[in-house]
Amino acid sequence: MPFKEYSKLVVKTIEDIIRCTTLSSLLEVSGWPKPGNVHRTHDFKNTRFEHFLAAVAVIQPNFFKFCKRIQNNSIIHQNNLSYVHLGKFFKDAAKRMMEWQKGGNVILGHILILAPLVAATVICLQDENLDIKYFKKVLKKIIEDTTVQDTLDLYEAINLCNPGGLGKVERYDLTDKNAIHQIQKDKITLQQIFNISQTYDLISSEYSSVYNIILNEGLPYYYEVFNQSNDINISTVHTFLYILENHYDTLIIRKAGLNLAREISENASKILKVGGLTTNKGKKLLMEMDNNLQSHEGKLNPGTTADLIAGIIFCALIFGLKF
């Protein structure tokens, strides 16, 4: 099916949306071999493939409560979408993720990426407007209407997870004890904090650009690969390589520097050029890349790219992809 035919939401209920959140995260985690990630044949020292599966499972009730809360408030607050309370969802879901498995912060990126997409889907269903253009309009409004409290809750969620590779920044640094006070004093909304951090974090960049990579680059490519291959794993892995080819992974930049991030993106490009998983040469190069990245024990893990893939798959599902 051409991309233009995936232009209307096919989900009909909140239950359908939750099926898509579950599937999108599971399919991303199961994509094999996404080089450098934890996957079905490679664990990190303290983080296993099963930790990701557990985290995906335990946050689904949080997604359901999030959807129901939006559904119950959408008619009352049509002109201001701050009632979505993205930050509260971040905090609640992150807490559950950390409580139910011992692998640490495994899918905070999924939580951050999926939440606005899920909220926009619920509102579109409530408004009975299923067109992708309206979906993008609602998504933009959700991000614009975020609040200072959303920012404070985001910081709490991140601190709950104690993630690695954050680095140091000049303003509102997560490791700075005065950051919370400064955010309150300066009245920094979630949209503003992501605008500030967009140059060094791909998830922030997605919020600032209203999901440009996911909706305008990754999603059409994902459909294209699936239409050619009829293989959901090839679609996932090739889209991962495609995003990595075109956008240096910011987690790798923070952990290992720009030069290594650039080298990894160049390798992803070479693999796609020779056919990736559809050719023997591509498979060989892909396995070599995975083995090389895995040898660095997580330091060269394109984790942010993986988070974007979860968002791409979610969008593919809600707009009608079946496999």
Protein backbone atom coordinates (compact mmCIF):
# COMPACT_ATOMS: atom_id res chain seq x y z
CA MET A 1 0.00 0.00 0.00
CA PRO A 2 1.52 3.40 -0.91
CA PHE A 3 2.25 5.84 1.89
CA LYS A 4 -0.62 8.14 0.89
CA GLU A 5 -3.07 5.30 1.61
CA TYR A 6 -1.90 5.17 5.23
CA SER A 7 -3.49 8.53 5.88
CA LYS A 8 -6.27 7.74 8.37
CA LEU A 9 -6.24 6.17 11.79
CA VAL A 10 -7.60 2.63 11.81
CA VAL A 11 -7.75 2.19 15.59
CA LYS A 12 -11.25 2.54 17.02
CA THR A 13 -10.93 2.20 20.79
CA ILE A 14 -8.52 2.80 23.65
CA GLU A 15 -7.98 -0.95 23.75
CA ASP A 16 -6.80 -0.77 20.15
CA ILE A 17 -4.36 1.99 21.06
CA ILE A 18 -2.93 -0.09 23.92
CA ARG A 19 -2.50 -3.03 21.57
CA CYS A 20 -0.41 -0.70 19.39
CA THR A 21 1.71 0.62 22.28
CA THR A 22 2.45 -2.94 23.35
CA LEU A 23 3.22 -4.16 19.85
CA SER A 24 5.34 -1.18 18.88
CA SER A 25 7.67 -1.56 21.86
CA LEU A 26 7.86 -5.34 21.57
CA LEU A 27 8.59 -5.21 17.84
CA GLU A 28 11.29 -2.59 18.37
CA VAL A 29 12.96 -4.60 21.13
CA SER A 30 12.65 -7.80 19.07
CA GLY A 31 14.14 -6.31 15.92
CA TRP A 32 17.21 -8.40 15.11
CA PRO A 33 19.99 -7.62 14.82
CA LYS A 34 19.74 -3.89 15.53
CA PRO A 35 23.49 -3.35 15.90
CA GLY A 36 24.69 -2.32 19.33
CA ASN A 37 21.33 -2.74 21.09
CA VAL A 38 20.38 -5.41 23.57
CA HIS A 39 18.53 -7.94 21.43
CA ARG A 40 17.37 -11.54 21.38
CA THR A 41 20.91 -12.91 20.99
CA HIS A 42 22.90 -10.38 23.03
CA ASP A 43 22.55 -8.99 26.56
CA PHE A 44 24.58 -6.32 28.32
CA LYS A 45 26.36 -7.13 31.58
CA ASN A 46 23.49 -6.04 33.84
CA THR A 47 20.66 -5.66 31.34
CA ARG A 48 19.01 -8.55 29.57
CA PHE A 49 16.58 -8.82 26.67
CA GLU A 50 14.00 -10.07 29.17
CA HIS A 51 14.28 -6.85 31.19
CA PHE A 52 13.01 -4.96 28.16
CA LEU A 53 10.10 -7.37 27.73
CA ALA A 54 9.18 -7.00 31.40
CA ALA A 55 9.31 -3.20 31.24
CA VAL A 56 7.10 -3.11 28.14
CA ALA A 57 4.52 -5.33 29.81
CA VAL A 58 4.30 -3.53 33.14
CA ILE A 59 3.74 -0.02 31.76
CA GLN A 60 0.74 -0.95 29.62
CA PRO A 61 -1.73 -0.30 32.50
CA ASN A 62 -0.14 3.16 32.77
CA PHE A 63 -0.85 3.76 29.10
CA PHE A 64 -4.44 2.61 29.61
CA LYS A 65 -4.99 4.98 32.57
CA PHE A 66 -3.36 7.79 30.56
CA CYS A 67 -5.75 7.20 27.65
CA LYS A 68 -8.82 7.03 29.89
CA ARG A 69 -7.87 10.25 31.66
CA ILE A 70 -7.50 12.06 28.33
CA GLN A 71 -10.78 10.60 27.07
CA ASN A 72 -12.62 11.80 30.17
CA ASN A 73 -11.24 15.34 29.91
CA SER A 74 -11.05 15.96 26.16
CA ILE A 75 -14.59 17.32 25.74
CA ILE A 76 -14.30 19.64 28.74
CA HIS A 77 -10.93 21.16 27.78
CA GLN A 78 -10.97 21.32 23.99
CA ASN A 79 -9.06 24.61 23.64
CA ASN A 80 -6.21 23.86 26.04
CA LEU A 81 -4.54 20.46 26.06
CA SER A 82 -2.45 20.96 29.19
CA TYR A 83 -4.83 18.49 30.88
CA VAL A 84 -2.93 15.73 29.05
CA HIS A 85 -0.23 16.02 31.77
CA LEU A 86 2.56 14.33 29.86
CA GLY A 87 4.90 14.73 32.81
CA LYS A 88 2.63 12.82 35.18
CA PHE A 89 2.58 9.92 32.73
CA PHE A 90 6.38 10.01 32.39
CA LYS A 91 6.76 9.84 36.15
CA ASP A 92 4.18 7.11 36.77
CA ALA A 93 5.36 4.89 33.92
CA ALA A 94 9.04 5.32 34.82
CA LYS A 95 8.31 4.33 38.41
CA ARG A 96 6.57 1.12 37.30
CA MET A 97 9.35 0.32 34.83
CA MET A 98 11.97 0.51 37.58
CA GLU A 99 9.89 -1.38 40.16
CA TRP A 100 9.24 -4.46 38.05
CA GLN A 101 12.64 -5.39 36.65
CA LYS A 102 16.30 -5.15 37.67
CA GLY A 103 17.86 -4.14 34.36
CA GLY A 104 17.71 -0.41 35.09
CA ASN A 105 16.47 2.23 32.67
CA VAL A 106 15.50 0.16 29.66
CA ILE A 107 12.62 2.00 27.95
CA LEU A 108 12.38 5.54 29.30
CA GLY A 109 12.89 6.69 25.70
CA HIS A 110 9.85 4.68 24.59
CA ILE A 111 7.82 6.32 27.35
CA LEU A 112 8.87 9.82 26.26
CA ILE A 113 8.40 9.19 22.54
CA LEU A 114 5.11 7.32 22.67
CA ALA A 115 3.20 9.49 25.16
CA PRO A 116 2.34 12.46 22.87
CA LEU A 117 1.56 10.09 19.98
CA VAL A 118 -0.81 8.11 22.19
CA ALA A 119 -2.46 11.28 23.51
CA ALA A 120 -2.97 12.64 19.99
CA THR A 121 -4.55 9.34 18.92
CA VAL A 122 -7.06 9.42 21.79
CA ILE A 123 -8.04 13.02 21.02
CA CYS A 124 -8.46 12.27 17.32
CA LEU A 125 -10.81 9.41 18.17
CA GLN A 126 -12.77 11.63 20.54
CA ASP A 127 -13.04 14.36 17.89
CA GLU A 128 -13.96 11.78 15.24
CA ASN A 129 -11.27 13.14 12.92
CA LEU A 130 -8.97 10.33 11.82
CA ASP A 131 -6.95 12.15 9.16
CA ILE A 132 -3.16 12.21 9.55
CA LYS A 133 -3.11 15.98 9.03
CA TYR A 134 -5.41 16.45 12.01
CA PHE A 135 -3.32 13.99 14.00
CA LYS A 136 -0.23 16.14 13.38
CA LYS A 137 -2.16 19.28 14.33
CA VAL A 138 -3.26 17.75 17.64
CA LEU A 139 0.25 16.46 18.32
CA LYS A 140 1.64 19.97 17.85
CA LYS A 141 -0.97 21.43 20.21
CA ILE A 142 -0.25 18.83 22.90
CA ILE A 143 3.43 19.80 22.91
CA GLU A 144 2.67 23.55 22.81
CA ASP A 145 0.31 23.32 25.79
CA THR A 146 2.73 21.55 28.13
CA THR A 147 3.41 23.18 31.48
CA VAL A 148 6.14 23.87 34.01
CA GLN A 149 4.78 20.97 36.10
CA ASP A 150 5.32 18.68 33.12
CA THR A 151 8.99 19.71 33.13
CA LEU A 152 9.34 19.08 36.87
CA ASP A 153 7.71 15.67 36.48
CA LEU A 154 10.04 14.84 33.57
CA TYR A 155 13.06 15.60 35.75
CA GLU A 156 11.65 13.40 38.51
CA ALA A 157 11.04 10.59 36.02
CA ILE A 158 14.60 10.80 34.71
CA ASN A 159 16.06 10.85 38.21
CA LEU A 160 13.98 7.79 39.11
CA CYS A 161 15.65 5.95 36.25
CA ASN A 162 19.20 7.14 36.94
CA PRO A 163 20.11 6.88 33.24
CA GLY A 164 23.67 6.85 31.98
CA GLY A 165 25.20 9.07 29.32
CA LEU A 166 23.39 12.29 30.24
CA GLY A 167 26.46 14.48 30.08
CA LYS A 168 26.62 18.01 31.48
CA VAL A 169 24.77 21.01 30.10
CA GLU A 170 24.96 24.69 30.87
CA ARG A 171 21.33 25.35 31.80
CA TYR A 172 18.86 23.27 33.85
CA ASP A 173 21.30 20.37 34.21
CA LEU A 174 19.69 17.24 35.62
CA THR A 175 22.63 16.70 37.94
CA ASP A 176 22.42 20.24 39.33
CA LYS A 177 20.52 20.41 42.62
CA ASN A 178 19.44 23.97 41.78
CA ALA A 179 17.93 23.02 38.42
CA ILE A 180 14.41 22.46 39.78
CA HIS A 181 14.39 25.84 41.49
CA GLN A 182 15.65 27.51 38.32
CA ILE A 183 12.98 25.83 36.18
CA GLN A 184 10.27 27.05 38.54
CA LYS A 185 11.76 30.53 38.68
CA ASP A 186 12.09 30.80 34.89
CA LYS A 187 8.75 29.06 34.26
CA ILE A 188 10.23 26.58 31.79
CA THR A 189 7.58 24.42 30.16
CA LEU A 190 8.21 20.98 28.72
CA GLN A 191 8.21 22.39 25.21
CA GLN A 192 10.82 24.97 26.23
CA ILE A 193 13.10 22.44 27.92
CA PHE A 194 13.04 20.27 24.81
CA ASN A 195 13.72 23.29 22.61
CA ILE A 196 16.78 24.03 24.73
CA SER A 197 18.09 20.44 24.49
CA GLN A 198 17.16 19.70 20.87
CA THR A 199 20.68 20.26 19.56
CA TYR A 200 22.17 17.44 21.62
CA ASP A 201 19.26 15.01 22.06
CA LEU A 202 17.18 13.38 19.30
CA ILE A 203 14.11 12.85 21.50
CA SER A 204 14.11 16.54 22.38
CA SER A 205 14.52 17.32 18.69
CA GLU A 206 11.41 15.27 17.91
CA TYR A 207 9.34 17.29 20.38
CA SER A 208 10.71 20.54 18.97
CA SER A 209 10.02 19.58 15.36
CA VAL A 210 6.65 17.90 16.04
CA TYR A 211 8.11 14.47 15.32
CA ASN A 212 9.70 15.31 12.01
CA ILE A 213 12.01 12.28 11.91
CA ILE A 214 9.31 9.81 12.95
CA LEU A 215 6.43 11.12 10.84
CA ASN A 216 8.14 12.56 7.79
CA GLU A 217 11.26 10.38 7.41
CA GLY A 218 10.94 7.12 9.29
CA LEU A 219 7.27 6.32 8.76
CA PRO A 220 7.24 6.54 4.93
CA TYR A 221 10.48 4.55 4.81
CA TYR A 222 9.09 1.87 7.13
CA TYR A 223 6.03 1.44 4.88
CA GLU A 224 8.24 1.33 1.80
CA VAL A 225 10.47 -1.41 3.18
CA PHE A 226 7.51 -3.42 4.42
CA ASN A 227 5.74 -3.16 1.07
CA GLN A 228 8.87 -4.45 -0.66
CA SER A 229 9.82 -7.17 1.82
CA ASN A 230 6.53 -8.11 3.53
CA ASP A 231 8.77 -8.75 6.54
CA ILE A 232 8.26 -6.85 9.79
CA ASN A 233 11.77 -7.61 11.13
CA ILE A 234 13.48 -6.41 7.96
CA SER A 235 11.33 -3.27 8.11
CA THR A 236 12.37 -2.62 11.70
CA VAL A 237 16.09 -3.25 11.23
CA HIS A 238 16.37 -1.37 7.94
CA THR A 239 14.49 1.63 9.32
CA PHE A 240 16.82 1.58 12.33
CA LEU A 241 19.79 1.69 9.93
CA TYR A 242 18.11 4.39 7.83
CA ILE A 243 17.54 6.69 10.81
CA LEU A 244 21.07 5.98 12.04
CA GLU A 245 22.44 6.73 8.58
CA ASN A 246 20.80 10.16 8.52
CA HIS A 247 21.02 11.19 12.19
CA TYR A 248 24.00 10.63 14.47
CA ASP A 249 22.80 8.87 17.62
CA THR A 250 22.95 11.43 20.41
CA LEU A 251 23.40 8.83 23.16
CA ILE A 252 26.58 7.67 21.43
CA ILE A 253 27.74 11.28 20.99
CA ARG A 254 27.34 11.89 24.72
CA LYS A 255 29.06 8.64 25.71
CA ALA A 256 31.78 8.32 23.07
CA GLY A 257 31.98 11.51 21.01
CA LEU A 258 30.95 12.80 17.60
CA ASN A 259 33.63 11.02 15.58
CA LEU A 260 32.55 7.56 16.65
CA ALA A 261 28.89 8.47 16.15
CA ARG A 262 29.72 9.60 12.61
CA GLU A 263 31.62 6.39 11.90
CA ILE A 264 28.67 4.28 13.07
CA SER A 265 26.27 6.22 10.85
CA GLU A 266 28.59 5.70 7.87
CA ASN A 267 28.64 1.95 8.56
CA ALA A 268 24.83 1.88 8.68
CA SER A 269 24.77 3.59 5.28
CA LYS A 270 27.17 1.02 3.77
CA ILE A 271 25.02 -1.86 4.99
CA LEU A 272 21.85 -0.43 3.47
CA LYS A 273 23.61 0.23 0.17
CA VAL A 274 24.40 -3.48 -0.22
CA GLY A 275 20.88 -4.62 0.71
CA GLY A 276 21.02 -5.09 4.48
CA LEU A 277 19.16 -8.21 5.61
CA THR A 278 18.06 -9.00 2.05
CA THR A 279 21.58 -9.95 0.83
CA ASN A 280 24.33 -12.19 2.13
CA LYS A 281 26.86 -9.36 2.00
CA GLY A 282 24.50 -7.06 3.87
CA LYS A 283 23.86 -9.67 6.55
CA LYS A 284 27.58 -10.27 6.97
CA LEU A 285 28.34 -6.55 7.35
CA LEU A 286 25.41 -6.14 9.75
CA MET A 287 26.62 -8.94 12.01
CA GLU A 288 30.14 -7.52 11.93
CA MET A 289 28.84 -4.10 12.91
CA ASP A 290 26.78 -5.60 15.73
CA ASN A 291 29.73 -7.61 17.05
CA ASN A 292 31.96 -4.54 16.95
CA LEU A 293 29.50 -2.30 18.79
CA GLN A 294 28.67 -4.99 21.36
CA SER A 295 32.37 -5.37 22.21
CA HIS A 296 32.26 -1.89 23.77
CA GLU A 297 29.79 -3.05 26.46
CA GLY A 298 27.02 -0.54 25.79
CA LYS A 299 29.20 2.50 25.20
CA LEU A 300 28.38 2.41 21.48
CA ASN A 301 24.71 1.50 21.81
CA PRO A 302 22.48 3.54 19.44
CA GLY A 303 19.77 3.61 22.10
CA THR A 304 18.13 6.88 21.08
CA THR A 305 17.69 5.61 17.53
CA ALA A 306 15.92 2.56 18.95
CA ASP A 307 13.51 4.82 20.85
CA LEU A 308 12.56 6.60 17.62
CA ILE A 309 11.90 3.22 15.98
CA ALA A 310 9.29 2.44 18.65
CA GLY A 311 7.50 5.66 17.70
CA ILE A 312 7.69 4.85 13.99
CA ILE A 313 6.23 1.38 14.50
CA PHE A 314 3.44 2.76 16.69
CA CYS A 315 2.46 5.22 13.98
CA ALA A 316 2.63 2.52 11.31
CA LEU A 317 0.23 0.37 13.34
CA ILE A 318 -2.32 3.04 14.20
CA PHE A 319 -2.45 4.07 10.54
CA GLY A 320 -3.12 0.58 9.33
CA LEU A 321 -0.02 -1.58 8.83
CA LYS A 322 -0.77 -5.29 9.27
CA PHE A 323 1.87 -8.00 9.17
